[in-house]
Amino acid sequence: MIEMPDAKQPAGVFLDARVLLCGGALGTIGLFVLVAFLWMVPKAHERETSAACAGLRSSPPNPALCPAGGDCRFPLAAPDFTALDHNGKPVHLSDFRGKVVLLNFWASWCGVCKTEKPQLNAMADDLASKDFVVIALASDRTWTDVLLALVDALASNVATAEGAGKDATMKDALAAYRQALPSGVPFDVYLDRPAGDDNIGQIAASWGIKAVPESALIDRRGNIRAYFVNKRDWKSPVAETCLRSVIDE
């Protein structure tokens, strides 16, 4: 049997004021904890990346990358740029937003870059995915020099097309590249032409670079998370740890 309420008692729900105060306090604390957690997560990622890349000897930010009068610490916004692909089509760094980018500044005339390329090539092949790309930005004036440098660095033991020497034409260089590297390379290569008599490309110079190789690790939001002056062994475990600390965020 369902009992009917006493007609003399008003219907409704009554809450003790102390319960309301306690519940409100707990809600405020919970909100504070949530906000603190959301604030701490990216900071934890930054510390993890910093620690992971410390073993790879990440360098302090180049002053040219720092905002005027601002905080010069990573993460720093990577300056956008326009480079050229092998068809002369402009490509922007911002085109890769949403991917983690390892931007490698190099040049055909750089002997240290040549010794770094095999490890860079192997790492790019191992980690290639929709979330990660390696960009090799060459401080060179012609694609002929770039293509022959890639052949020399990655397939020097392969007999190349006749005529692919110092006075090679673009046709010679393409023939040599296709013969030596029929599957291409697992990284994107773009041209950064120097101005005037300079050796360093205009984009590299705008980043404050005076010698190559140098590399920047850029996250999905377009922020530089680590920077490396001179060559690195990109196939080493510490390099993979550094790169994955950003890729896996």
Protein backbone atom coordinates (compact mmCIF):
# COMPACT_ATOMS: atom_id res chain seq x y z
CA MET A 1 0.00 0.00 0.00
CA ILE A 2 1.29 3.45 -0.90
CA GLU A 3 0.97 5.86 2.02
CA MET A 4 -0.28 9.33 1.24
CA PRO A 5 1.66 12.28 2.72
CA ASP A 6 0.20 14.05 5.72
CA ALA A 7 -1.83 16.96 4.42
CA LYS A 8 -0.50 19.12 7.26
CA GLN A 9 3.13 18.70 6.12
CA PRO A 10 4.27 20.79 3.15
CA ALA A 11 5.54 18.74 0.21
CA GLY A 12 9.11 19.29 -1.05
CA VAL A 13 12.76 18.55 -0.44
CA PHE A 14 14.76 20.35 2.24
CA LEU A 15 18.57 20.50 2.34
CA ASP A 16 20.62 21.39 5.36
CA ALA A 17 22.62 24.58 4.76
CA ARG A 18 25.69 22.80 6.07
CA VAL A 19 25.31 20.16 3.36
CA LEU A 20 25.09 22.89 0.71
CA LEU A 21 28.20 24.60 2.02
CA CYS A 22 30.12 21.35 2.19
CA GLY A 23 29.05 20.31 -1.30
CA GLY A 24 29.98 23.72 -2.67
CA ALA A 25 33.39 23.56 -1.09
CA LEU A 26 34.01 20.10 -2.49
CA GLY A 27 32.90 21.24 -5.93
CA THR A 28 35.26 24.22 -5.79
CA ILE A 29 38.14 21.98 -4.74
CA GLY A 30 37.31 19.55 -7.54
CA LEU A 31 37.26 22.35 -10.09
CA PHE A 32 40.59 23.65 -8.79
CA VAL A 33 42.12 20.17 -9.05
CA LEU A 34 40.83 19.80 -12.63
CA VAL A 35 42.20 23.20 -13.68
CA ALA A 36 45.54 22.44 -12.01
CA PHE A 37 45.68 19.06 -13.76
CA LEU A 38 44.95 20.59 -17.17
CA TRP A 39 47.62 23.24 -16.53
CA MET A 40 50.19 20.69 -15.38
CA VAL A 41 49.76 18.19 -18.26
CA PRO A 42 51.45 20.33 -20.95
CA LYS A 43 54.11 21.40 -18.45
CA ALA A 44 54.81 17.74 -17.70
CA HIS A 45 55.11 17.03 -21.43
CA GLU A 46 57.57 19.91 -21.79
CA ARG A 47 59.68 18.60 -18.91
CA GLU A 48 59.58 15.07 -20.34
CA THR A 49 60.72 16.30 -23.75
CA SER A 50 63.44 18.45 -22.22
CA ALA A 51 64.74 15.50 -20.21
CA ALA A 52 64.54 13.12 -23.18
CA CYS A 53 66.36 15.51 -25.51
CA ALA A 54 68.99 16.52 -22.96
CA GLY A 55 70.83 13.29 -23.69
CA LEU A 56 70.92 14.30 -27.36
CA ARG A 57 72.53 17.60 -26.28
CA SER A 58 69.73 19.99 -27.16
CA SER A 59 71.10 23.53 -27.48
CA PRO A 60 69.64 26.76 -26.04
CA PRO A 61 67.44 28.74 -28.44
CA ASN A 62 69.19 30.75 -31.12
CA PRO A 63 68.63 34.44 -30.23
CA ALA A 64 67.26 35.04 -33.74
CA LEU A 65 64.31 32.79 -32.85
CA CYS A 66 63.46 34.60 -29.61
CA PRO A 67 60.68 37.21 -29.43
CA ALA A 68 61.94 40.76 -28.88
CA GLY A 69 61.97 41.40 -25.17
CA GLY A 70 60.14 38.10 -24.58
CA ASP A 71 60.88 34.85 -22.82
CA CYS A 72 63.61 32.97 -24.72
CA ARG A 73 62.87 29.41 -23.66
CA PHE A 74 61.39 26.40 -25.37
CA PRO A 75 58.74 25.96 -26.61
CA LEU A 76 59.21 28.76 -29.15
CA ALA A 77 57.07 29.44 -32.20
CA ALA A 78 58.91 28.26 -35.32
CA PRO A 79 59.09 31.08 -37.90
CA ASP A 80 57.18 30.16 -41.03
CA PHE A 81 59.04 30.09 -44.33
CA THR A 82 58.61 29.36 -48.02
CA ALA A 83 61.00 26.91 -49.71
CA LEU A 84 60.92 25.32 -53.17
CA ASP A 85 60.34 21.70 -54.11
CA HIS A 86 62.03 20.04 -57.11
CA ASN A 87 59.31 21.35 -59.42
CA GLY A 88 59.81 24.92 -58.24
CA LYS A 89 56.56 24.81 -56.26
CA PRO A 90 56.55 26.85 -53.03
CA VAL A 91 56.17 24.88 -49.80
CA HIS A 92 55.51 26.44 -46.39
CA LEU A 93 56.53 25.11 -42.99
CA SER A 94 52.97 25.85 -41.84
CA ASP A 95 51.73 23.31 -44.43
CA PHE A 96 52.92 20.63 -41.98
CA ARG A 97 50.97 21.93 -38.97
CA GLY A 98 49.45 18.95 -37.17
CA LYS A 99 52.58 16.84 -37.74
CA VAL A 100 55.76 16.62 -35.71
CA VAL A 101 58.62 17.93 -37.87
CA LEU A 102 62.36 17.41 -37.63
CA LEU A 103 63.74 20.28 -39.70
CA ASN A 104 67.31 19.59 -40.81
CA PHE A 105 69.36 22.44 -42.28
CA TRP A 106 72.17 21.14 -44.53
CA ALA A 107 74.02 21.77 -47.81
CA SER A 108 75.66 19.78 -50.61
CA TRP A 109 79.05 21.38 -49.84
CA CYS A 110 78.91 20.39 -46.14
CA GLY A 111 81.09 17.36 -45.35
CA VAL A 112 79.61 16.96 -41.86
CA CYS A 113 76.12 16.90 -43.39
CA LYS A 114 77.23 14.02 -45.61
CA THR A 115 78.27 11.93 -42.61
CA GLU A 116 74.96 12.73 -40.85
CA LYS A 117 72.70 11.82 -43.79
CA PRO A 118 72.79 7.98 -43.48
CA GLN A 119 71.56 8.12 -39.87
CA LEU A 120 68.95 10.76 -40.75
CA ASN A 121 67.80 8.59 -43.66
CA ALA A 122 67.52 5.43 -41.52
CA MET A 123 65.65 7.26 -38.73
CA ALA A 124 63.21 8.86 -41.18
CA ASP A 125 62.52 5.46 -42.69
CA ASP A 126 61.93 3.84 -39.27
CA LEU A 127 59.68 6.58 -37.84
CA ALA A 128 57.83 7.57 -41.02
CA SER A 129 54.11 8.00 -40.29
CA LYS A 130 51.21 10.39 -40.79
CA ASP A 131 52.28 12.09 -37.53
CA PHE A 132 55.96 12.68 -38.28
CA VAL A 133 58.01 14.08 -41.15
CA VAL A 134 61.68 14.92 -41.67
CA ILE A 135 62.38 18.00 -43.79
CA ALA A 136 65.88 18.47 -45.22
CA LEU A 137 66.32 22.13 -46.20
CA ALA A 138 69.33 22.49 -48.51
CA SER A 139 71.38 25.72 -48.61
CA ASP A 140 72.13 25.28 -52.31
CA ARG A 141 71.61 27.17 -55.54
CA THR A 142 70.62 24.26 -57.79
CA TRP A 143 68.82 20.95 -57.58
CA THR A 144 71.70 19.40 -59.48
CA ASP A 145 73.98 19.93 -56.49
CA VAL A 146 71.31 18.67 -54.06
CA LEU A 147 70.57 15.45 -55.97
CA LEU A 148 74.23 14.57 -56.45
CA ALA A 149 74.94 15.24 -52.77
CA LEU A 150 72.16 12.83 -51.76
CA VAL A 151 73.58 10.16 -54.06
CA ASP A 152 77.07 10.74 -52.68
CA ALA A 153 75.88 10.54 -49.07
CA LEU A 154 73.44 7.63 -49.34
CA ALA A 155 74.61 5.51 -52.28
CA SER A 156 78.24 6.32 -52.94
CA ASN A 157 78.96 2.63 -53.57
CA VAL A 158 76.48 2.49 -56.44
CA ALA A 159 77.76 3.16 -59.94
CA THR A 160 76.03 6.32 -61.14
CA ALA A 161 75.17 7.57 -64.61
CA GLU A 162 78.02 8.71 -66.80
CA GLY A 163 78.57 12.46 -66.66
CA ALA A 164 77.27 12.93 -63.10
CA GLY A 165 80.36 14.77 -61.95
CA LYS A 166 81.41 18.31 -61.27
CA ASP A 167 80.01 19.63 -64.55
CA ALA A 168 76.86 17.53 -64.44
CA THR A 169 73.61 18.86 -65.85
CA MET A 170 70.22 18.48 -64.21
CA LYS A 171 69.54 15.59 -66.61
CA ASP A 172 72.74 13.87 -65.43
CA ALA A 173 71.86 14.43 -61.78
CA LEU A 174 68.33 13.03 -62.20
CA ALA A 175 69.67 9.96 -63.98
CA ALA A 176 72.23 9.39 -61.23
CA TYR A 177 69.65 9.88 -58.49
CA ARG A 178 67.13 7.50 -60.06
CA GLN A 179 69.78 4.87 -60.64
CA ALA A 180 71.32 5.08 -57.17
CA LEU A 181 68.12 5.72 -55.17
CA PRO A 182 65.27 4.22 -57.20
CA SER A 183 62.87 4.41 -54.25
CA GLY A 184 63.83 7.97 -53.41
CA VAL A 185 64.48 9.03 -49.83
CA PRO A 186 62.13 8.82 -46.82
CA PHE A 187 62.36 12.54 -46.05
CA ASP A 188 61.22 15.70 -47.81
CA VAL A 189 63.93 17.76 -49.51
CA TYR A 190 63.48 21.46 -50.33
CA LEU A 191 65.76 24.16 -51.70
CA ASP A 192 66.83 27.21 -49.65
CA ARG A 193 68.79 29.37 -52.08
CA PRO A 194 71.44 31.69 -50.58
CA ALA A 195 71.42 35.41 -51.36
CA GLY A 196 74.33 37.00 -53.21
CA ASP A 197 77.65 35.35 -52.43
CA ASP A 198 76.46 33.76 -49.19
CA ASN A 199 76.72 30.02 -48.63
CA ILE A 200 73.89 29.79 -46.11
CA GLY A 201 70.36 29.80 -47.48
CA GLN A 202 68.11 32.77 -46.89
CA ILE A 203 65.73 30.79 -44.66
CA ALA A 204 68.56 29.34 -42.60
CA ALA A 205 70.09 32.81 -42.25
CA SER A 206 66.77 34.23 -41.04
CA TRP A 207 66.84 31.57 -38.29
CA GLY A 208 70.26 32.87 -37.23
CA ILE A 209 72.16 29.89 -38.66
CA LYS A 210 75.76 30.55 -39.66
CA ALA A 211 76.89 26.94 -40.25
CA VAL A 212 75.21 23.64 -41.06
CA PRO A 213 74.05 21.10 -40.09
CA GLU A 214 71.54 22.29 -37.50
CA SER A 215 68.16 20.75 -36.68
CA ALA A 216 64.94 21.84 -34.97
CA LEU A 217 62.33 19.52 -33.47
CA ILE A 218 58.90 21.11 -33.98
CA ASP A 219 55.66 19.90 -32.41
CA ARG A 220 52.19 19.67 -33.95
CA ARG A 221 51.33 23.22 -32.90
CA GLY A 222 54.33 24.65 -34.72
CA ASN A 223 56.49 25.18 -31.62
CA ILE A 224 60.20 24.38 -31.47
CA ARG A 225 60.71 21.94 -28.59
CA ALA A 226 64.45 21.22 -29.01
CA TYR A 227 67.33 22.47 -31.13
CA PHE A 228 70.54 20.74 -32.20
CA VAL A 229 73.72 22.43 -33.40
CA ASN A 230 76.00 20.23 -35.52
CA LYS A 231 75.34 16.61 -36.49
CA ARG A 232 73.67 13.93 -34.38
CA ASP A 233 73.41 10.15 -34.60
CA TRP A 234 69.71 10.03 -35.41
CA LYS A 235 69.64 6.24 -35.19
CA SER A 236 70.77 6.17 -31.56
CA PRO A 237 68.34 5.11 -28.80
CA VAL A 238 68.59 8.54 -27.16
CA ALA A 239 67.57 10.19 -30.45
CA GLU A 240 64.53 7.93 -30.76
CA THR A 241 63.56 8.68 -27.16
CA CYS A 242 63.78 12.42 -27.83
CA LEU A 243 61.76 12.27 -31.03
CA ARG A 244 59.10 9.94 -29.63
CA SER A 245 58.64 12.14 -26.56
CA VAL A 246 57.08 14.70 -28.93
CA ILE A 247 55.49 12.30 -31.44
CA ASP A 248 53.64 10.42 -28.68
CA GLU A 249 52.18 13.49 -26.98
